[in-house]
Amino acid sequence: FERQVRRWPERPVQRIVRYLRRRPASLVVADFGCGDCTLAASVKNQVH
């Protein structure tokens, strides 16, 4: 998976990170199929 997405112009998780960074950090997030927890490591929100 990592090998494949490295070739993409943008990783979709980065778009989600940008969205959450523009929203209140108090929002609670559930990441279904989180993989290596990139989303949780990239935002201040509580991420399950």
ModelCIF file with pLDDT and N, C-alpha, C, O atoms, coordinates in Angstrom:
data_MODEL
#
_entry.id   MODEL 
#
_entity.id                         1 
_entity.type                       polymer 
_entity.pdbx_number_of_molecules   1 
#
_entity_poly.entity_id                      1 
_entity_poly.type                           'polypeptide(L)' 
_entity_poly.nstd_linkage                   no 
_entity_poly.nstd_monomer                   no 
_entity_poly.pdbx_seq_one_letter_code       FERQVRRWPERPVQRIVRYLRRRPASLVVADFGCGDCTLAASVKNQVH 
_entity_poly.pdbx_seq_one_letter_code_can   FERQVRRWPERPVQRIVRYLRRRPASLVVADFGCGDCTLAASVKNQVH 
_entity_poly.pdbx_strand_id                 A 
#
loop_
_entity_poly_seq.entity_id 
_entity_poly_seq.num 
_entity_poly_seq.mon_id 
_entity_poly_seq.hetero 
1 1  PHE n 
1 2  GLU n 
1 3  ARG n 
1 4  GLN n 
1 5  VAL n 
1 6  ARG n 
1 7  ARG n 
1 8  TRP n 
1 9  PRO n 
1 10 GLU n 
1 11 ARG n 
1 12 PRO n 
1 13 VAL n 
1 14 GLN n 
1 15 ARG n 
1 16 ILE n 
1 17 VAL n 
1 18 ARG n 
1 19 TYR n 
1 20 LEU n 
1 21 ARG n 
1 22 ARG n 
1 23 ARG n 
1 24 PRO n 
1 25 ALA n 
1 26 SER n 
1 27 LEU n 
1 28 VAL n 
1 29 VAL n 
1 30 ALA n 
1 31 ASP n 
1 32 PHE n 
1 33 GLY n 
1 34 CYS n 
1 35 GLY n 
1 36 ASP n 
1 37 CYS n 
1 38 THR n 
1 39 LEU n 
1 40 ALA n 
1 41 ALA n 
1 42 SER n 
1 43 VAL n 
1 44 LYS n 
1 45 ASN n 
1 46 GLN n 
1 47 VAL n 
1 48 HIS n 
#
_struct_asym.id          A 
_struct_asym.entity_id   1 
#
loop_
_ma_qa_metric.id 
_ma_qa_metric.mode 
_ma_qa_metric.name 
_ma_qa_metric.software_group_id 
_ma_qa_metric.type 
1 global pLDDT . pLDDT 
2 local  pLDDT . pLDDT 
#
_ma_qa_metric_global.metric_id      1 
_ma_qa_metric_global.metric_value   94.54 
_ma_qa_metric_global.model_id       1 
_ma_qa_metric_global.ordinal_id     1 
#
loop_
_ma_qa_metric_local.label_asym_id 
_ma_qa_metric_local.label_comp_id 
_ma_qa_metric_local.label_seq_id 
_ma_qa_metric_local.metric_id 
_ma_qa_metric_local.metric_value 
_ma_qa_metric_local.model_id 
_ma_qa_metric_local.ordinal_id 
A PHE 1  2 86.00 1 1  
A GLU 2  2 87.00 1 2  
A ARG 3  2 87.00 1 3  
A GLN 4  2 85.00 1 4  
A VAL 5  2 84.00 1 5  
A ARG 6  2 86.00 1 6  
A ARG 7  2 88.00 1 7  
A TRP 8  2 87.00 1 8  
A PRO 9  2 90.00 1 9  
A GLU 10 2 88.00 1 10 
A ARG 11 2 90.00 1 11 
A PRO 12 2 92.00 1 12 
A VAL 13 2 95.00 1 13 
A GLN 14 2 94.00 1 14 
A ARG 15 2 94.00 1 15 
A ILE 16 2 96.00 1 16 
A VAL 17 2 98.00 1 17 
A ARG 18 2 97.00 1 18 
A TYR 19 2 96.00 1 19 
A LEU 20 2 98.00 1 20 
A ARG 21 2 98.00 1 21 
A ARG 22 2 97.00 1 22 
A ARG 23 2 97.00 1 23 
A PRO 24 2 98.00 1 24 
A ALA 25 2 98.00 1 25 
A SER 26 2 98.00 1 26 
A LEU 27 2 98.00 1 27 
A VAL 28 2 98.00 1 28 
A VAL 29 2 98.00 1 29 
A ALA 30 2 98.00 1 30 
A ASP 31 2 98.00 1 31 
A PHE 32 2 97.00 1 32 
A GLY 33 2 95.00 1 33 
A CYS 34 2 96.00 1 34 
A GLY 35 2 92.00 1 35 
A ASP 36 2 92.00 1 36 
A CYS 37 2 96.00 1 37 
A THR 38 2 96.00 1 38 
A LEU 39 2 98.00 1 39 
A ALA 40 2 98.00 1 40 
A ALA 41 2 98.00 1 41 
A SER 42 2 98.00 1 42 
A VAL 43 2 98.00 1 43 
A LYS 44 2 98.00 1 44 
A ASN 45 2 98.00 1 45 
A GLN 46 2 98.00 1 46 
A VAL 47 2 98.00 1 47 
A HIS 48 2 98.00 1 48 
#
loop_
_atom_site.group_PDB 
_atom_site.id 
_atom_site.type_symbol 
_atom_site.label_atom_id 
_atom_site.label_alt_id 
_atom_site.label_comp_id 
_atom_site.label_asym_id 
_atom_site.label_entity_id 
_atom_site.label_seq_id 
_atom_site.pdbx_PDB_ins_code 
_atom_site.Cartn_x 
_atom_site.Cartn_y 
_atom_site.Cartn_z 
_atom_site.occupancy 
_atom_site.B_iso_or_equiv 
_atom_site.pdbx_formal_charge 
_atom_site.auth_seq_id 
_atom_site.auth_comp_id 
_atom_site.auth_asym_id 
_atom_site.auth_atom_id 
_atom_site.pdbx_PDB_model_num 
ATOM 1   N N  . PHE A 1 1  ? 0.837   -1.197 0.000  1.00 86.00 ? 1  PHE A N  1 
ATOM 2   C CA . PHE A 1 1  ? 0.000   0.000  0.000  1.00 86.00 ? 1  PHE A CA 1 
ATOM 3   C C  . PHE A 1 1  ? 0.876   1.253  0.000  1.00 86.00 ? 1  PHE A C  1 
ATOM 4   O O  . PHE A 1 1  ? 0.665   2.164  -0.801 1.00 86.00 ? 1  PHE A O  1 
ATOM 5   N N  . GLU A 1 2  ? 1.852   1.294  0.894  1.00 87.00 ? 2  GLU A N  1 
ATOM 6   C CA . GLU A 1 2  ? 2.753   2.455  0.979  1.00 87.00 ? 2  GLU A CA 1 
ATOM 7   C C  . GLU A 1 2  ? 3.512   2.651  -0.329 1.00 87.00 ? 2  GLU A C  1 
ATOM 8   O O  . GLU A 1 2  ? 3.690   3.780  -0.785 1.00 87.00 ? 2  GLU A O  1 
ATOM 9   N N  . ARG A 1 3  ? 3.951   1.570  -0.920 1.00 87.00 ? 3  ARG A N  1 
ATOM 10  C CA . ARG A 1 3  ? 4.673   1.630  -2.197 1.00 87.00 ? 3  ARG A CA 1 
ATOM 11  C C  . ARG A 1 3  ? 3.776   2.244  -3.276 1.00 87.00 ? 3  ARG A C  1 
ATOM 12  O O  . ARG A 1 3  ? 4.235   3.034  -4.100 1.00 87.00 ? 3  ARG A O  1 
ATOM 13  N N  . GLN A 1 4  ? 2.518   1.878  -3.262 1.00 85.00 ? 4  GLN A N  1 
ATOM 14  C CA . GLN A 1 4  ? 1.584   2.370  -4.269 1.00 85.00 ? 4  GLN A CA 1 
ATOM 15  C C  . GLN A 1 4  ? 1.258   3.850  -4.065 1.00 85.00 ? 4  GLN A C  1 
ATOM 16  O O  . GLN A 1 4  ? 1.307   4.622  -5.022 1.00 85.00 ? 4  GLN A O  1 
ATOM 17  N N  . VAL A 1 5  ? 0.930   4.257  -2.851 1.00 84.00 ? 5  VAL A N  1 
ATOM 18  C CA . VAL A 1 5  ? 0.514   5.643  -2.634 1.00 84.00 ? 5  VAL A CA 1 
ATOM 19  C C  . VAL A 1 5  ? 1.668   6.627  -2.759 1.00 84.00 ? 5  VAL A C  1 
ATOM 20  O O  . VAL A 1 5  ? 1.432   7.818  -2.960 1.00 84.00 ? 5  VAL A O  1 
ATOM 21  N N  . ARG A 1 6  ? 2.902   6.165  -2.645 1.00 86.00 ? 6  ARG A N  1 
ATOM 22  C CA . ARG A 1 6  ? 4.055   7.043  -2.847 1.00 86.00 ? 6  ARG A CA 1 
ATOM 23  C C  . ARG A 1 6  ? 4.067   7.625  -4.258 1.00 86.00 ? 6  ARG A C  1 
ATOM 24  O O  . ARG A 1 6  ? 4.630   8.696  -4.489 1.00 86.00 ? 6  ARG A O  1 
ATOM 25  N N  . ARG A 1 7  ? 3.447   6.920  -5.194 1.00 88.00 ? 7  ARG A N  1 
ATOM 26  C CA . ARG A 1 7  ? 3.435   7.366  -6.593 1.00 88.00 ? 7  ARG A CA 1 
ATOM 27  C C  . ARG A 1 7  ? 2.304   8.356  -6.881 1.00 88.00 ? 7  ARG A C  1 
ATOM 28  O O  . ARG A 1 7  ? 2.272   8.954  -7.957 1.00 88.00 ? 7  ARG A O  1 
ATOM 29  N N  . TRP A 1 8  ? 1.391   8.533  -5.951 1.00 87.00 ? 8  TRP A N  1 
ATOM 30  C CA . TRP A 1 8  ? 0.248   9.418  -6.168 1.00 87.00 ? 8  TRP A CA 1 
ATOM 31  C C  . TRP A 1 8  ? 0.670   10.873 -5.976 1.00 87.00 ? 8  TRP A C  1 
ATOM 32  O O  . TRP A 1 8  ? 1.589   11.149 -5.205 1.00 87.00 ? 8  TRP A O  1 
ATOM 33  N N  . PRO A 1 9  ? 0.014   11.807 -6.665 1.00 90.00 ? 9  PRO A N  1 
ATOM 34  C CA . PRO A 1 9  ? 0.371   13.225 -6.504 1.00 90.00 ? 9  PRO A CA 1 
ATOM 35  C C  . PRO A 1 9  ? 0.046   13.756 -5.104 1.00 90.00 ? 9  PRO A C  1 
ATOM 36  O O  . PRO A 1 9  ? 0.715   14.662 -4.607 1.00 90.00 ? 9  PRO A O  1 
ATOM 37  N N  . GLU A 1 10 ? -0.985  13.186 -4.473 1.00 88.00 ? 10 GLU A N  1 
ATOM 38  C CA . GLU A 1 10 ? -1.354  13.591 -3.116 1.00 88.00 ? 10 GLU A CA 1 
ATOM 39  C C  . GLU A 1 10 ? -1.903  12.389 -2.361 1.00 88.00 ? 10 GLU A C  1 
ATOM 40  O O  . GLU A 1 10 ? -2.654  11.580 -2.905 1.00 88.00 ? 10 GLU A O  1 
ATOM 41  N N  . ARG A 1 11 ? -1.513  12.294 -1.102 1.00 90.00 ? 11 ARG A N  1 
ATOM 42  C CA . ARG A 1 11 ? -2.068  11.241 -0.243 1.00 90.00 ? 11 ARG A CA 1 
ATOM 43  C C  . ARG A 1 11 ? -3.389  11.752 0.323  1.00 90.00 ? 11 ARG A C  1 
ATOM 44  O O  . ARG A 1 11 ? -3.429  12.832 0.912  1.00 90.00 ? 11 ARG A O  1 
ATOM 45  N N  . PRO A 1 12 ? -4.468  10.994 0.153  1.00 92.00 ? 12 PRO A N  1 
ATOM 46  C CA . PRO A 1 12 ? -5.778  11.456 0.647  1.00 92.00 ? 12 PRO A CA 1 
ATOM 47  C C  . PRO A 1 12 ? -5.784  11.794 2.138  1.00 92.00 ? 12 PRO A C  1 
ATOM 48  O O  . PRO A 1 12 ? -6.510  12.694 2.559  1.00 92.00 ? 12 PRO A O  1 
ATOM 49  N N  . VAL A 1 13 ? -4.993  11.094 2.936  1.00 95.00 ? 13 VAL A N  1 
ATOM 50  C CA . VAL A 1 13 ? -4.977  11.374 4.379  1.00 95.00 ? 13 VAL A CA 1 
ATOM 51  C C  . VAL A 1 13 ? -4.511  12.810 4.636  1.00 95.00 ? 13 VAL A C  1 
ATOM 52  O O  . VAL A 1 13 ? -4.925  13.420 5.622  1.00 95.00 ? 13 VAL A O  1 
ATOM 53  N N  . GLN A 1 14 ? -3.667  13.352 3.775  1.00 94.00 ? 14 GLN A N  1 
ATOM 54  C CA . GLN A 1 14 ? -3.198  14.727 3.962  1.00 94.00 ? 14 GLN A CA 1 
ATOM 55  C C  . GLN A 1 14 ? -4.330  15.741 3.746  1.00 94.00 ? 14 GLN A C  1 
ATOM 56  O O  . GLN A 1 14 ? -4.372  16.788 4.392  1.00 94.00 ? 14 GLN A O  1 
ATOM 57  N N  . ARG A 1 15 ? -5.230  15.416 2.843  1.00 94.00 ? 15 ARG A N  1 
ATOM 58  C CA . ARG A 1 15 ? -6.386  16.293 2.616  1.00 94.00 ? 15 ARG A CA 1 
ATOM 59  C C  . ARG A 1 15 ? -7.284  16.282 3.865  1.00 94.00 ? 15 ARG A C  1 
ATOM 60  O O  . ARG A 1 15 ? -7.809  17.321 4.265  1.00 94.00 ? 15 ARG A O  1 
ATOM 61  N N  . ILE A 1 16 ? -7.453  15.114 4.470  1.00 96.00 ? 16 ILE A N  1 
ATOM 62  C CA . ILE A 1 16 ? -8.269  14.993 5.687  1.00 96.00 ? 16 ILE A CA 1 
ATOM 63  C C  . ILE A 1 16 ? -7.594  15.733 6.841  1.00 96.00 ? 16 ILE A C  1 
ATOM 64  O O  . ILE A 1 16 ? -8.261  16.398 7.635  1.00 96.00 ? 16 ILE A O  1 
ATOM 65  N N  . VAL A 1 17 ? -6.276  15.614 6.928  1.00 98.00 ? 17 VAL A N  1 
ATOM 66  C CA . VAL A 1 17 ? -5.515  16.341 7.948  1.00 98.00 ? 17 VAL A CA 1 
ATOM 67  C C  . VAL A 1 17 ? -5.742  17.847 7.793  1.00 98.00 ? 17 VAL A C  1 
ATOM 68  O O  . VAL A 1 17 ? -6.006  18.538 8.777  1.00 98.00 ? 17 VAL A O  1 
ATOM 69  N N  . ARG A 1 18 ? -5.641  18.354 6.570  1.00 97.00 ? 18 ARG A N  1 
ATOM 70  C CA . ARG A 1 18 ? -5.852  19.794 6.336  1.00 97.00 ? 18 ARG A CA 1 
ATOM 71  C C  . ARG A 1 18 ? -7.260  20.214 6.760  1.00 97.00 ? 18 ARG A C  1 
ATOM 72  O O  . ARG A 1 18 ? -7.441  21.273 7.362  1.00 97.00 ? 18 ARG A O  1 
ATOM 73  N N  . TYR A 1 19 ? -8.258  19.378 6.442  1.00 96.00 ? 19 TYR A N  1 
ATOM 74  C CA . TYR A 1 19 ? -9.635  19.675 6.835  1.00 96.00 ? 19 TYR A CA 1 
ATOM 75  C C  . TYR A 1 19 ? -9.740  19.770 8.363  1.00 96.00 ? 19 TYR A C  1 
ATOM 76  O O  . TYR A 1 19 ? -10.299 20.734 8.887  1.00 96.00 ? 19 TYR A O  1 
ATOM 77  N N  . LEU A 1 20 ? -9.211  18.784 9.068  1.00 98.00 ? 20 LEU A N  1 
ATOM 78  C CA . LEU A 1 20 ? -9.334  18.762 10.527 1.00 98.00 ? 20 LEU A CA 1 
ATOM 79  C C  . LEU A 1 20 ? -8.557  19.896 11.183 1.00 98.00 ? 20 LEU A C  1 
ATOM 80  O O  . LEU A 1 20 ? -8.984  20.421 12.211 1.00 98.00 ? 20 LEU A O  1 
ATOM 81  N N  . ARG A 1 21 ? -7.435  20.277 10.610 1.00 98.00 ? 21 ARG A N  1 
ATOM 82  C CA . ARG A 1 21 ? -6.650  21.382 11.185 1.00 98.00 ? 21 ARG A CA 1 
ATOM 83  C C  . ARG A 1 21 ? -7.393  22.714 11.083 1.00 98.00 ? 21 ARG A C  1 
ATOM 84  O O  . ARG A 1 21 ? -7.106  23.637 11.844 1.00 98.00 ? 21 ARG A O  1 
ATOM 85  N N  . ARG A 1 22 ? -8.340  22.823 10.156 1.00 97.00 ? 22 ARG A N  1 
ATOM 86  C CA . ARG A 1 22 ? -9.138  24.053 10.017 1.00 97.00 ? 22 ARG A CA 1 
ATOM 87  C C  . ARG A 1 22 ? -10.374 24.017 10.916 1.00 97.00 ? 22 ARG A C  1 
ATOM 88  O O  . ARG A 1 22 ? -11.100 25.008 11.003 1.00 97.00 ? 22 ARG A O  1 
ATOM 89  N N  . ARG A 1 23 ? -10.617 22.909 11.572 1.00 97.00 ? 23 ARG A N  1 
ATOM 90  C CA . ARG A 1 23 ? -11.789 22.733 12.437 1.00 97.00 ? 23 ARG A CA 1 
ATOM 91  C C  . ARG A 1 23 ? -11.318 22.756 13.898 1.00 97.00 ? 23 ARG A C  1 
ATOM 92  O O  . ARG A 1 23 ? -10.119 22.662 14.159 1.00 97.00 ? 23 ARG A O  1 
ATOM 93  N N  . PRO A 1 24 ? -12.243 22.878 14.840 1.00 98.00 ? 24 PRO A N  1 
ATOM 94  C CA . PRO A 1 24 ? -11.841 22.885 16.256 1.00 98.00 ? 24 PRO A CA 1 
ATOM 95  C C  . PRO A 1 24 ? -11.141 21.578 16.669 1.00 98.00 ? 24 PRO A C  1 
ATOM 96  O O  . PRO A 1 24 ? -11.557 20.486 16.282 1.00 98.00 ? 24 PRO A O  1 
ATOM 97  N N  . ALA A 1 25 ? -10.090 21.716 17.449 1.00 98.00 ? 25 ALA A N  1 
ATOM 98  C CA . ALA A 1 25 ? -9.345  20.542 17.928 1.00 98.00 ? 25 ALA A CA 1 
ATOM 99  C C  . ALA A 1 25 ? -10.169 19.729 18.922 1.00 98.00 ? 25 ALA A C  1 
ATOM 100 O O  . ALA A 1 25 ? -9.788  18.617 19.288 1.00 98.00 ? 25 ALA A O  1 
ATOM 101 N N  . SER A 1 26 ? -11.291 20.282 19.353 1.00 98.00 ? 26 SER A N  1 
ATOM 102 C CA . SER A 1 26 ? -12.158 19.573 20.307 1.00 98.00 ? 26 SER A CA 1 
ATOM 103 C C  . SER A 1 26 ? -13.002 18.484 19.628 1.00 98.00 ? 26 SER A C  1 
ATOM 104 O O  . SER A 1 26 ? -13.597 17.650 20.312 1.00 98.00 ? 26 SER A O  1 
ATOM 105 N N  . LEU A 1 27 ? -13.057 18.486 18.294 1.00 98.00 ? 27 LEU A N  1 
ATOM 106 C CA . LEU A 1 27 ? -13.821 17.451 17.598 1.00 98.00 ? 27 LEU A CA 1 
ATOM 107 C C  . LEU A 1 27 ? -13.186 16.083 17.819 1.00 98.00 ? 27 LEU A C  1 
ATOM 108 O O  . LEU A 1 27 ? -11.972 15.929 17.686 1.00 98.00 ? 27 LEU A O  1 
ATOM 109 N N  . VAL A 1 28 ? -14.000 15.099 18.156 1.00 98.00 ? 28 VAL A N  1 
ATOM 110 C CA . VAL A 1 28 ? -13.523 13.732 18.367 1.00 98.00 ? 28 VAL A CA 1 
ATOM 111 C C  . VAL A 1 28 ? -13.663 12.973 17.045 1.00 98.00 ? 28 VAL A C  1 
ATOM 112 O O  . VAL A 1 28 ? -14.694 13.050 16.376 1.00 98.00 ? 28 VAL A O  1 
ATOM 113 N N  . VAL A 1 29 ? -12.610 12.243 16.684 1.00 98.00 ? 29 VAL A N  1 
ATOM 114 C CA . VAL A 1 29 ? -12.534 11.577 15.385 1.00 98.00 ? 29 VAL A CA 1 
ATOM 115 C C  . VAL A 1 29 ? -12.421 10.066 15.581 1.00 98.00 ? 29 VAL A C  1 
ATOM 116 O O  . VAL A 1 29 ? -11.743 9.599  16.497 1.00 98.00 ? 29 VAL A O  1 
ATOM 117 N N  . ALA A 1 30 ? -13.092 9.308  14.713 1.00 98.00 ? 30 ALA A N  1 
ATOM 118 C CA . ALA A 1 30 ? -12.911 7.847  14.655 1.00 98.00 ? 30 ALA A CA 1 
ATOM 119 C C  . ALA A 1 30 ? -12.316 7.540  13.284 1.00 98.00 ? 30 ALA A C  1 
ATOM 120 O O  . ALA A 1 30 ? -12.911 7.863  12.256 1.00 98.00 ? 30 ALA A O  1 
ATOM 121 N N  . ASP A 1 31 ? -11.143 6.917  13.277 1.00 98.00 ? 31 ASP A N  1 
ATOM 122 C CA . ASP A 1 31 ? -10.439 6.579  12.032 1.00 98.00 ? 31 ASP A CA 1 
ATOM 123 C C  . ASP A 1 31 ? -10.593 5.078  11.801 1.00 98.00 ? 31 ASP A C  1 
ATOM 124 O O  . ASP A 1 31 ? -9.906  4.267  12.422 1.00 98.00 ? 31 ASP A O  1 
ATOM 125 N N  . PHE A 1 32 ? -11.502 4.727  10.903 1.00 97.00 ? 32 PHE A N  1 
ATOM 126 C CA . PHE A 1 32 ? -11.793 3.331  10.565 1.00 97.00 ? 32 PHE A CA 1 
ATOM 127 C C  . PHE A 1 32 ? -10.775 2.848  9.533  1.00 97.00 ? 32 PHE A C  1 
ATOM 128 O O  . PHE A 1 32 ? -10.736 3.372  8.420  1.00 97.00 ? 32 PHE A O  1 
ATOM 129 N N  . GLY A 1 33 ? -9.956  1.864  9.882  1.00 95.00 ? 33 GLY A N  1 
ATOM 130 C CA . GLY A 1 33 ? -8.910  1.386  8.973  1.00 95.00 ? 33 GLY A CA 1 
ATOM 131 C C  . GLY A 1 33 ? -7.735  2.343  8.980  1.00 95.00 ? 33 GLY A C  1 
ATOM 132 O O  . GLY A 1 33 ? -7.267  2.774  7.926  1.00 95.00 ? 33 GLY A O  1 
ATOM 133 N N  . CYS A 1 34 ? -7.261  2.672  10.165 1.00 96.00 ? 34 CYS A N  1 
ATOM 134 C CA . CYS A 1 34 ? -6.274  3.740  10.376 1.00 96.00 ? 34 CYS A CA 1 
ATOM 135 C C  . CYS A 1 34 ? -4.862  3.420  9.902  1.00 96.00 ? 34 CYS A C  1 
ATOM 136 O O  . CYS A 1 34 ? -4.049  4.330  9.745  1.00 96.00 ? 34 CYS A O  1 
ATOM 137 N N  . GLY A 1 35 ? -4.553  2.139  9.671  1.00 92.00 ? 35 GLY A N  1 
ATOM 138 C CA . GLY A 1 35 ? -3.189  1.794  9.254  1.00 92.00 ? 35 GLY A CA 1 
ATOM 139 C C  . GLY A 1 35 ? -2.179  2.149  10.321 1.00 92.00 ? 35 GLY A C  1 
ATOM 140 O O  . GLY A 1 35 ? -2.232  1.635  11.438 1.00 92.00 ? 35 GLY A O  1 
ATOM 141 N N  . ASP A 1 36 ? -1.249  3.039  9.968  1.00 92.00 ? 36 ASP A N  1 
ATOM 142 C CA . ASP A 1 36 ? -0.168  3.396  10.901 1.00 92.00 ? 36 ASP A CA 1 
ATOM 143 C C  . ASP A 1 36 ? -0.480  4.637  11.740 1.00 92.00 ? 36 ASP A C  1 
ATOM 144 O O  . ASP A 1 36 ? 0.422   5.217  12.343 1.00 92.00 ? 36 ASP A O  1 
ATOM 145 N N  . CYS A 1 37 ? -1.730  5.041  11.782 1.00 96.00 ? 37 CYS A N  1 
ATOM 146 C CA . CYS A 1 37 ? -2.196  6.172  12.601 1.00 96.00 ? 37 CYS A CA 1 
ATOM 147 C C  . CYS A 1 37 ? -1.639  7.520  12.150 1.00 96.00 ? 37 CYS A C  1 
ATOM 148 O O  . CYS A 1 37 ? -1.424  8.407  12.976 1.00 96.00 ? 37 CYS A O  1 
ATOM 149 N N  . THR A 1 38 ? -1.406  7.680  10.861 1.00 96.00 ? 38 THR A N  1 
ATOM 150 C CA . THR A 1 38 ? -0.918  8.956  10.330 1.00 96.00 ? 38 THR A CA 1 
ATOM 151 C C  . THR A 1 38 ? -1.855  10.096 10.701 1.00 96.00 ? 38 THR A C  1 
ATOM 152 O O  . THR A 1 38 ? -1.397  11.171 11.089 1.00 96.00 ? 38 THR A O  1 
ATOM 153 N N  . LEU A 1 39 ? -3.157  9.877  10.588 1.00 98.00 ? 39 LEU A N  1 
ATOM 154 C CA . LEU A 1 39 ? -4.123  10.924 10.907 1.00 98.00 ? 39 LEU A CA 1 
ATOM 155 C C  . LEU A 1 39 ? -3.991  11.352 12.370 1.00 98.00 ? 39 LEU A C  1 
ATOM 156 O O  . LEU A 1 39 ? -3.906  12.544 12.664 1.00 98.00 ? 39 LEU A O  1 
ATOM 157 N N  . ALA A 1 40 ? -3.973  10.391 13.277 1.00 98.00 ? 40 ALA A N  1 
ATOM 158 C CA . ALA A 1 40 ? -3.876  10.697 14.706 1.00 98.00 ? 40 ALA A CA 1 
ATOM 159 C C  . ALA A 1 40 ? -2.582  11.451 15.034 1.00 98.00 ? 40 ALA A C  1 
ATOM 160 O O  . ALA A 1 40 ? -2.575  12.341 15.884 1.00 98.00 ? 40 ALA A O  1 
ATOM 161 N N  . ALA A 1 41 ? -1.504  11.094 14.361 1.00 98.00 ? 41 ALA A N  1 
ATOM 162 C CA . ALA A 1 41 ? -0.211  11.734 14.613 1.00 98.00 ? 41 ALA A CA 1 
ATOM 163 C C  . ALA A 1 41 ? -0.130  13.144 14.020 1.00 98.00 ? 41 ALA A C  1 
ATOM 164 O O  . ALA A 1 41 ? 0.774   13.910 14.355 1.00 98.00 ? 41 ALA A O  1 
ATOM 165 N N  . SER A 1 42 ? -1.078  13.484 13.136 1.00 98.00 ? 42 SER A N  1 
ATOM 166 C CA . SER A 1 42 ? -0.993  14.750 12.400 1.00 98.00 ? 42 SER A CA 1 
ATOM 167 C C  . SER A 1 42 ? -1.951  15.835 12.872 1.00 98.00 ? 42 SER A C  1 
ATOM 168 O O  . SER A 1 42 ? -1.876  16.972 12.406 1.00 98.00 ? 42 SER A O  1 
ATOM 169 N N  . VAL A 1 43 ? -2.846  15.497 13.787 1.00 98.00 ? 43 VAL A N  1 
ATOM 170 C CA . VAL A 1 43 ? -3.826  16.484 14.259 1.00 98.00 ? 43 VAL A CA 1 
ATOM 171 C C  . VAL A 1 43 ? -3.858  16.517 15.787 1.00 98.00 ? 43 VAL A C  1 
ATOM 172 O O  . VAL A 1 43 ? -3.386  15.594 16.451 1.00 98.00 ? 43 VAL A O  1 
ATOM 173 N N  . LYS A 1 44 ? -4.419  17.592 16.328 1.00 98.00 ? 44 LYS A N  1 
ATOM 174 C CA . LYS A 1 44 ? -4.518  17.746 17.787 1.00 98.00 ? 44 LYS A CA 1 
ATOM 175 C C  . LYS A 1 44 ? -5.763  17.082 18.358 1.00 98.00 ? 44 LYS A C  1 
ATOM 176 O O  . LYS A 1 44 ? -5.883  16.922 19.573 1.00 98.00 ? 44 LYS A O  1 
ATOM 177 N N  . ASN A 1 45 ? -6.691  16.695 17.487 1.00 98.00 ? 45 ASN A N  1 
ATOM 178 C CA . ASN A 1 45 ? -7.949  16.093 17.925 1.00 98.00 ? 45 ASN A CA 1 
ATOM 179 C C  . ASN A 1 45 ? -7.698  14.762 18.627 1.00 98.00 ? 45 ASN A C  1 
ATOM 180 O O  . ASN A 1 45 ? -6.671  14.116 18.416 1.00 98.00 ? 45 ASN A O  1 
ATOM 181 N N  . GLN A 1 46 ? -8.651  14.365 19.461 1.00 98.00 ? 46 GLN A N  1 
ATOM 182 C CA . GLN A 1 46 ? -8.645  12.998 19.974 1.00 98.00 ? 46 GLN A CA 1 
ATOM 183 C C  . GLN A 1 46 ? -9.086  12.114 18.811 1.00 98.00 ? 46 GLN A C  1 
ATOM 184 O O  . GLN A 1 46 ? -10.151 12.327 18.232 1.00 98.00 ? 46 GLN A O  1 
ATOM 185 N N  . VAL A 1 47 ? -8.262  11.118 18.470 1.00 98.00 ? 47 VAL A N  1 
ATOM 186 C CA . VAL A 1 47 ? -8.574  10.229 17.355 1.00 98.00 ? 47 VAL A CA 1 
ATOM 187 C C  . VAL A 1 47 ? -8.600  8.795  17.861 1.00 98.00 ? 47 VAL A C  1 
ATOM 188 O O  . VAL A 1 47 ? -7.611  8.302  18.403 1.00 98.00 ? 47 VAL A O  1 
ATOM 189 N N  . HIS A 1 48 ? -9.727  8.133  17.685 1.00 98.00 ? 48 HIS A N  1 
ATOM 190 C CA . HIS A 1 48 ? -9.857  6.704  17.993 1.00 98.00 ? 48 HIS A CA 1 
ATOM 191 C C  . HIS A 1 48 ? -9.397  5.959  16.741 1.00 98.00 ? 48 HIS A C  1 
ATOM 192 O O  . HIS A 1 48 ? -9.401  4.729  16.718 1.00 98.00 ? 48 HIS A O  1 
#
